[in-house]
C-alpha atoms as a PDB file:
ATOM      1  CA  UNK A   1       5.455  10.606  -3.909  1.00  0.00           C
ATOM      2  CA  UNK A   2       8.064   7.996  -3.122  1.00  0.00           C
ATOM      3  CA  UNK A   3       7.321   4.397  -2.074  1.00  0.00           C
ATOM      4  CA  UNK A   4      10.176   2.382  -0.590  1.00  0.00           C
ATOM      5  CA  UNK A   5      10.154  -1.360  -0.555  1.00  0.00           C
ATOM      6  CA  UNK A   6      12.762  -2.813   1.794  1.00  0.00           C
ATOM      7  CA  UNK A   7      13.220  -6.284   0.342  1.00  0.00           C
ATOM      8  CA  UNK A   8      14.609  -8.478   3.149  1.00  0.00           C
ATOM      9  CA  UNK A   9      16.023 -11.710   2.091  1.00  0.00           C
ATOM     10  CA  UNK A  10      15.554 -14.124   5.029  1.00  0.00           C
ATOM     11  CA  UNK A  11      18.271 -14.954   7.405  1.00  0.00           C
ATOM     12  CA  UNK A  12      20.020 -18.178   7.672  1.00  0.00           C
ATOM     13  CA  UNK A  13      17.619 -21.148   8.053  1.00  0.00           C
ATOM     14  CA  UNK A  14      17.985 -24.837   9.043  1.00  0.00           C
ATOM     15  CA  UNK A  15      17.675 -27.022   6.049  1.00  0.00           C
ATOM     16  CA  UNK A  16      14.571 -29.220   5.941  1.00  0.00           C
ATOM     17  CA  UNK A  17      12.722 -30.435   2.845  1.00  0.00           C
ATOM     18  CA  UNK A  18       9.593 -28.588   4.032  1.00  0.00           C
ATOM     19  CA  UNK A  19       9.942 -25.273   2.397  1.00  0.00           C
ATOM     20  CA  UNK A  20       6.887 -23.723   4.107  1.00  0.00           C
ATOM     21  CA  UNK A  21       7.931 -24.432   7.672  1.00  0.00           C
ATOM     22  CA  UNK A  22      11.804 -24.371   7.410  1.00  0.00           C
ATOM     23  CA  UNK A  23      12.882 -22.251  10.636  1.00  0.00           C
ATOM     24  CA  UNK A  24      15.754 -19.882  11.152  1.00  0.00           C
ATOM     25  CA  UNK A  25      18.986 -21.339  12.482  1.00  0.00           C
ATOM     26  CA  UNK A  26      20.409 -19.983  15.747  1.00  0.00           C
ATOM     27  CA  UNK A  27      22.573 -17.638  13.588  1.00  0.00           C
ATOM     28  CA  UNK A  28      19.634 -16.643  11.622  1.00  0.00           C
ATOM     29  CA  UNK A  29      17.563 -15.670  14.635  1.00  0.00           C
ATOM     30  CA  UNK A  30      20.438 -13.536  16.083  1.00  0.00           C
ATOM     31  CA  UNK A  31      20.653 -11.825  12.558  1.00  0.00           C
ATOM     32  CA  UNK A  32      16.758 -11.345  12.680  1.00  0.00           C
ATOM     33  CA  UNK A  33      17.232  -9.335  15.757  1.00  0.00           C
ATOM     34  CA  UNK A  34      19.782  -7.088  14.079  1.00  0.00           C
ATOM     35  CA  UNK A  35      17.455  -6.734  11.096  1.00  0.00           C
ATOM     36  CA  UNK A  36      14.811  -5.418  13.455  1.00  0.00           C
ATOM     37  CA  UNK A  37      17.438  -2.954  14.904  1.00  0.00           C
ATOM     38  CA  UNK A  38      18.366  -1.722  11.444  1.00  0.00           C
ATOM     39  CA  UNK A  39      14.741  -1.326  10.267  1.00  0.00           C
ATOM     40  CA  UNK A  40      13.564   0.464  13.262  1.00  0.00           C
ATOM     41  CA  UNK A  41      15.153   3.549  11.995  1.00  0.00           C
ATOM     42  CA  UNK A  42      13.710   3.346   8.414  1.00  0.00           C
ATOM     43  CA  UNK A  43      10.231   4.715   9.270  1.00  0.00           C
ATOM     44  CA  UNK A  44       8.599   1.299   8.373  1.00  0.00           C
ATOM     45  CA  UNK A  45       4.837   1.700   7.938  1.00  0.00           C
ATOM     46  CA  UNK A  46       3.860  -1.926   7.151  1.00  0.00           C
ATOM     47  CA  UNK A  47       5.428  -5.429   6.989  1.00  0.00           C
ATOM     48  CA  UNK A  48       4.519  -7.864   4.251  1.00  0.00           C
ATOM     49  CA  UNK A  49       6.106 -11.407   3.905  1.00  0.00           C
ATOM     50  CA  UNK A  50       6.241 -14.513   1.972  1.00  0.00           C
ATOM     51  CA  UNK A  51       4.259 -17.234   3.787  1.00  0.00           C
ATOM     52  CA  UNK A  52       7.352 -19.275   4.398  1.00  0.00           C
ATOM     53  CA  UNK A  53       8.346 -19.423   8.061  1.00  0.00           C
ATOM     54  CA  UNK A  54      11.999 -18.278   7.635  1.00  0.00           C
ATOM     55  CA  UNK A  55      10.864 -15.117   5.724  1.00  0.00           C
ATOM     56  CA  UNK A  56       8.269 -14.296   8.440  1.00  0.00           C
ATOM     57  CA  UNK A  57      10.659 -14.877  11.319  1.00  0.00           C
ATOM     58  CA  UNK A  58      13.216 -12.529   9.765  1.00  0.00           C
ATOM     59  CA  UNK A  59      10.667  -9.558   9.675  1.00  0.00           C
ATOM     60  CA  UNK A  60       8.443 -10.344  12.673  1.00  0.00           C
ATOM     61  CA  UNK A  61      10.653  -8.259  15.058  1.00  0.00           C
ATOM     62  CA  UNK A  62       9.933  -5.123  13.107  1.00  0.00           C
ATOM     63  CA  UNK A  63       6.188  -5.963  12.767  1.00  0.00           C
ATOM     64  CA  UNK A  64       5.981  -6.279  16.618  1.00  0.00           C
ATOM     65  CA  UNK A  65       8.049  -2.973  17.079  1.00  0.00           C
ATOM     66  CA  UNK A  66       5.563  -0.976  14.905  1.00  0.00           C
ATOM     67  CA  UNK A  67       2.541  -2.872  16.241  1.00  0.00           C
ATOM     68  CA  UNK A  68       1.255  -4.147  12.893  1.00  0.00           C
ATOM     69  CA  UNK A  69       0.382  -7.694  11.851  1.00  0.00           C
ATOM     70  CA  UNK A  70       2.503  -9.245   9.107  1.00  0.00           C
ATOM     71  CA  UNK A  71       0.479  -9.274   5.888  1.00  0.00           C
ATOM     72  CA  UNK A  72       1.205 -12.605   4.071  1.00  0.00           C
ATOM     73  CA  UNK A  73       1.753 -12.303   0.260  1.00  0.00           C
ATOM     74  CA  UNK A  74       1.648 -15.712  -1.262  1.00  0.00           C
ATOM     75  CA  UNK A  75       3.135 -14.456  -4.433  1.00  0.00           C
ATOM     76  CA  UNK A  76       6.423 -13.375  -2.667  1.00  0.00           C
ATOM     77  CA  UNK A  77       7.227 -16.964  -1.901  1.00  0.00           C
ATOM     78  CA  UNK A  78      10.560 -18.461  -3.292  1.00  0.00           C
ATOM     79  CA  UNK A  79      10.438 -19.756  -6.810  1.00  0.00           C
ATOM     80  CA  UNK A  80       9.785 -23.419  -7.110  1.00  0.00           C
ATOM     81  CA  UNK A  81      12.810 -24.885  -8.841  1.00  0.00           C
ATOM     82  CA  UNK A  82      11.421 -28.275  -9.339  1.00  0.00           C
ATOM     83  CA  UNK A  83       8.567 -30.600  -8.180  1.00  0.00           C
ATOM     84  CA  UNK A  84      10.946 -33.047  -6.706  1.00  0.00           C
ATOM     85  CA  UNK A  85      14.528 -32.432  -5.226  1.00  0.00           C
ATOM     86  CA  UNK A  86      17.117 -32.025  -7.895  1.00  0.00           C
ATOM     87  CA  UNK A  87      20.482 -33.949  -7.799  1.00  0.00           C
ATOM     88  CA  UNK A  88      22.640 -31.012  -8.663  1.00  0.00           C
ATOM     89  CA  UNK A  89      21.164 -27.674  -7.318  1.00  0.00           C
ATOM     90  CA  UNK A  90      23.869 -25.664  -8.823  1.00  0.00           C
ATOM     91  CA  UNK A  91      23.312 -27.107 -12.289  1.00  0.00           C
ATOM     92  CA  UNK A  92      19.703 -26.862 -12.032  1.00  0.00           C
ATOM     93  CA  UNK A  93      19.614 -23.246 -10.980  1.00  0.00           C
ATOM     94  CA  UNK A  94      22.203 -22.390 -13.675  1.00  0.00           C
ATOM     95  CA  UNK A  95      19.908 -23.954 -16.402  1.00  0.00           C
ATOM     96  CA  UNK A  96      16.849 -21.844 -15.440  1.00  0.00           C
ATOM     97  CA  UNK A  97      18.878 -18.579 -15.320  1.00  0.00           C
ATOM     98  CA  UNK A  98      20.432 -19.413 -18.755  1.00  0.00           C
ATOM     99  CA  UNK A  99      17.005 -19.735 -20.275  1.00  0.00           C
ATOM    100  CA  UNK A 100      14.131 -17.604 -18.700  1.00  0.00           C
ATOM    101  CA  UNK A 101      11.443 -19.888 -20.214  1.00  0.00           C
ATOM    102  CA  UNK A 102      12.983 -23.188 -19.080  1.00  0.00           C
ATOM    103  CA  UNK A 103      11.440 -24.946 -16.204  1.00  0.00           C
ATOM    104  CA  UNK A 104      12.153 -28.305 -14.565  1.00  0.00           C
ATOM    105  CA  UNK A 105       9.205 -30.536 -14.081  1.00  0.00           C
ATOM    106  CA  UNK A 106       6.873 -29.214 -11.432  1.00  0.00           C
ATOM    107  CA  UNK A 107       8.951 -26.129 -11.273  1.00  0.00           C
ATOM    108  CA  UNK A 108       8.585 -22.456 -12.327  1.00  0.00           C
ATOM    109  CA  UNK A 109      10.625 -20.866 -15.153  1.00  0.00           C
ATOM    110  CA  UNK A 110      12.389 -17.542 -14.368  1.00  0.00           C
ATOM    111  CA  UNK A 111       9.756 -15.763 -16.394  1.00  0.00           C
ATOM    112  CA  UNK A 112       6.822 -17.367 -14.492  1.00  0.00           C
ATOM    113  CA  UNK A 113       8.244 -16.697 -11.171  1.00  0.00           C
ATOM    114  CA  UNK A 114       9.357 -13.115 -12.110  1.00  0.00           C
ATOM    115  CA  UNK A 115       5.845 -12.376 -13.437  1.00  0.00           C
ATOM    116  CA  UNK A 116       4.165 -13.636 -10.232  1.00  0.00           C
ATOM    117  CA  UNK A 117       6.824 -11.473  -8.123  1.00  0.00           C
ATOM    118  CA  UNK A 118       6.413  -8.316 -10.028  1.00  0.00           C
ATOM    119  CA  UNK A 119       2.655  -8.464 -10.048  1.00  0.00           C
ATOM    120  CA  UNK A 120       2.948  -8.842  -6.205  1.00  0.00           C
ATOM    121  CA  UNK A 121       5.332  -5.892  -6.091  1.00  0.00           C
ATOM    122  CA  UNK A 122       3.048  -3.549  -8.173  1.00  0.00           C
ATOM    123  CA  UNK A 123       0.179  -4.587  -5.773  1.00  0.00           C
ATOM    124  CA  UNK A 124       2.308  -3.481  -2.879  1.00  0.00           C
ATOM    125  CA  UNK A 125       3.203  -0.166  -4.538  1.00  0.00           C
ATOM    126  CA  UNK A 126      -0.330   0.641  -5.383  1.00  0.00           C
ATOM    127  CA  UNK A 127      -1.761  -0.494  -1.888  1.00  0.00           C
ATOM    128  CA  UNK A 128       0.954   1.346   0.165  1.00  0.00           C
ATOM    129  CA  UNK A 129       1.800   4.326  -2.094  1.00  0.00           C
ATOM    130  CA  UNK A 130       4.159   6.852  -0.386  1.00  0.00           C
ATOM    131  CA  UNK A 131       4.845   4.461   2.610  1.00  0.00           C
ATOM    132  CA  UNK A 132       7.955   2.292   3.750  1.00  0.00           C
ATOM    133  CA  UNK A 133       7.250  -1.348   3.549  1.00  0.00           C
ATOM    134  CA  UNK A 134       9.439  -4.102   4.879  1.00  0.00           C
ATOM    135  CA  UNK A 135       9.156  -7.216   2.704  1.00  0.00           C
ATOM    136  CA  UNK A 136      10.232 -10.594   3.939  1.00  0.00           C
ATOM    137  CA  UNK A 137      11.169 -12.585   1.045  1.00  0.00           C
ATOM    138  CA  UNK A 138      13.783 -14.904  -0.657  1.00  0.00           C
ATOM    139  CA  UNK A 139      16.873 -14.475  -2.703  1.00  0.00           C
ATOM    140  CA  UNK A 140      15.840 -15.962  -6.056  1.00  0.00           C
ATOM    141  CA  UNK A 141      12.333 -14.269  -6.268  1.00  0.00           C
ATOM    142  CA  UNK A 142      13.874 -11.044  -4.929  1.00  0.00           C
ATOM    143  CA  UNK A 143      16.332 -10.982  -7.699  1.00  0.00           C
ATOM    144  CA  UNK A 144      13.990 -11.835 -10.375  1.00  0.00           C
ATOM    145  CA  UNK A 145      11.861  -8.973  -9.348  1.00  0.00           C
ATOM    146  CA  UNK A 146      14.768  -6.554  -9.299  1.00  0.00           C
ATOM    147  CA  UNK A 147      15.982  -8.052 -12.664  1.00  0.00           C
ATOM    148  CA  UNK A 148      12.559  -7.189 -14.371  1.00  0.00           C
ATOM    149  CA  UNK A 149      13.455  -3.410 -13.658  1.00  0.00           C
ATOM    150  CA  UNK A 150      17.298  -3.656 -14.331  1.00  0.00           C
ATOM    151  CA  UNK A 151      19.052  -6.631 -16.061  1.00  0.00           C
ATOM    152  CA  UNK A 152      22.119  -5.997 -13.821  1.00  0.00           C
ATOM    153  CA  UNK A 153      20.358  -7.966 -11.183  1.00  0.00           C
ATOM    154  CA  UNK A 154      21.175 -11.337 -12.497  1.00  0.00           C
ATOM    155  CA  UNK A 155      22.341 -14.848 -11.590  1.00  0.00           C
ATOM    156  CA  UNK A 156      25.750 -13.647 -10.523  1.00  0.00           C
ATOM    157  CA  UNK A 157      24.261 -10.835  -8.247  1.00  0.00           C
ATOM    158  CA  UNK A 158      22.020 -13.585  -6.649  1.00  0.00           C
ATOM    159  CA  UNK A 159      25.025 -15.733  -5.872  1.00  0.00           C
ATOM    160  CA  UNK A 160      26.642 -12.914  -3.993  1.00  0.00           C
ATOM    161  CA  UNK A 161      23.575 -12.243  -1.775  1.00  0.00           C
ATOM    162  CA  UNK A 162      23.964 -12.455   2.065  1.00  0.00           C
ATOM    163  CA  UNK A 163      21.599 -14.102   4.495  1.00  0.00           C
ATOM    164  CA  UNK A 164      20.021 -11.818   5.579  1.00  0.00           C
ATOM    165  CA  UNK A 165      20.260  -9.171   3.057  1.00  0.00           C
ATOM    166  CA  UNK A 166      18.357  -5.856   2.581  1.00  0.00           C
ATOM    167  CA  UNK A 167      17.809  -3.817  -0.630  1.00  0.00           C
ATOM    168  CA  UNK A 168      15.805  -0.544  -0.661  1.00  0.00           C
ATOM    169  CA  UNK A 169      13.913  -0.155  -3.830  1.00  0.00           C
ATOM    170  CA  UNK A 170      12.517   3.296  -4.294  1.00  0.00           C
ATOM    171  CA  UNK A 171       9.546   3.848  -6.608  1.00  0.00           C
ATOM    172  CA  UNK A 172       7.762   6.974  -7.952  1.00  0.00           C
ATOM    173  CA  UNK A 173       4.545   5.614  -9.107  1.00  0.00           C
ATOM    174  CA  UNK A 174       5.551   2.276 -10.546  1.00  0.00           C
ATOM    175  CA  UNK A 175       8.872   3.565 -12.062  1.00  0.00           C
ATOM    176  CA  UNK A 176      11.871   2.213 -10.067  1.00  0.00           C
ATOM    177  CA  UNK A 177      14.119   5.234  -9.372  1.00  0.00           C
ATOM    178  CA  UNK A 178      16.831   3.872  -7.059  1.00  0.00           C
ATOM    179  CA  UNK A 179      18.112   0.593  -5.613  1.00  0.00           C
ATOM    180  CA  UNK A 180      20.366   0.591  -2.548  1.00  0.00           C
ATOM    181  CA  UNK A 181      21.978  -2.142  -0.722  1.00  0.00           C
ATOM    182  CA  UNK A 182      21.264  -0.895   2.906  1.00  0.00           C
ATOM    183  CA  UNK A 183      22.465  -3.935   4.889  1.00  0.00           C
ATOM    184  CA  UNK A 184      25.950  -5.019   5.719  1.00  0.00           C
ATOM    185  CA  UNK A 185      26.111  -8.127   7.855  1.00  0.00           C
ATOM    186  CA  UNK A 186      29.566  -7.329   8.848  1.00  0.00           C
ATOM    187  CA  UNK A 187      28.427  -3.995  10.226  1.00  0.00           C
ATOM    188  CA  UNK A 188      25.316  -5.207  11.944  1.00  0.00           C
END
């Protein structure tokens, strides 16, 4: 019995220091409509999301369309890079990807964030076995989850993600059997 998780990296958002409440930009809102249009043909049974507003806004259209409330999964939130803003984001993110155990003060290492995200993923697979689940999430945590199953999903892969982006992960039991990029922003 196959379970399909459609990891939906959130659409473009307006930058604010408030991670939890950061909203989609105008472009992001338009792309969220396109995400809904795409997902409506995928037989989505349930919608789960990070608690962050931009992730919820990206998948709320499909939840409304299928008549389901969005289930909030705290552990699908974006990884915390640091407790305080970093001076050089690029250098800071490279450092944590180079050493999976390294964390900036107040932040999570790749390994810590990955364990949190993978645990949430296994929970979804168990709870919704045989279903198609849209999962509103974030680029870094999504790639860390994918990296747990296949090391090809790494820092360089993360750098090439789009906003939004959608990857379908197909599981038989808890074994990942296929990963497909199913969203092309240029074709949306």
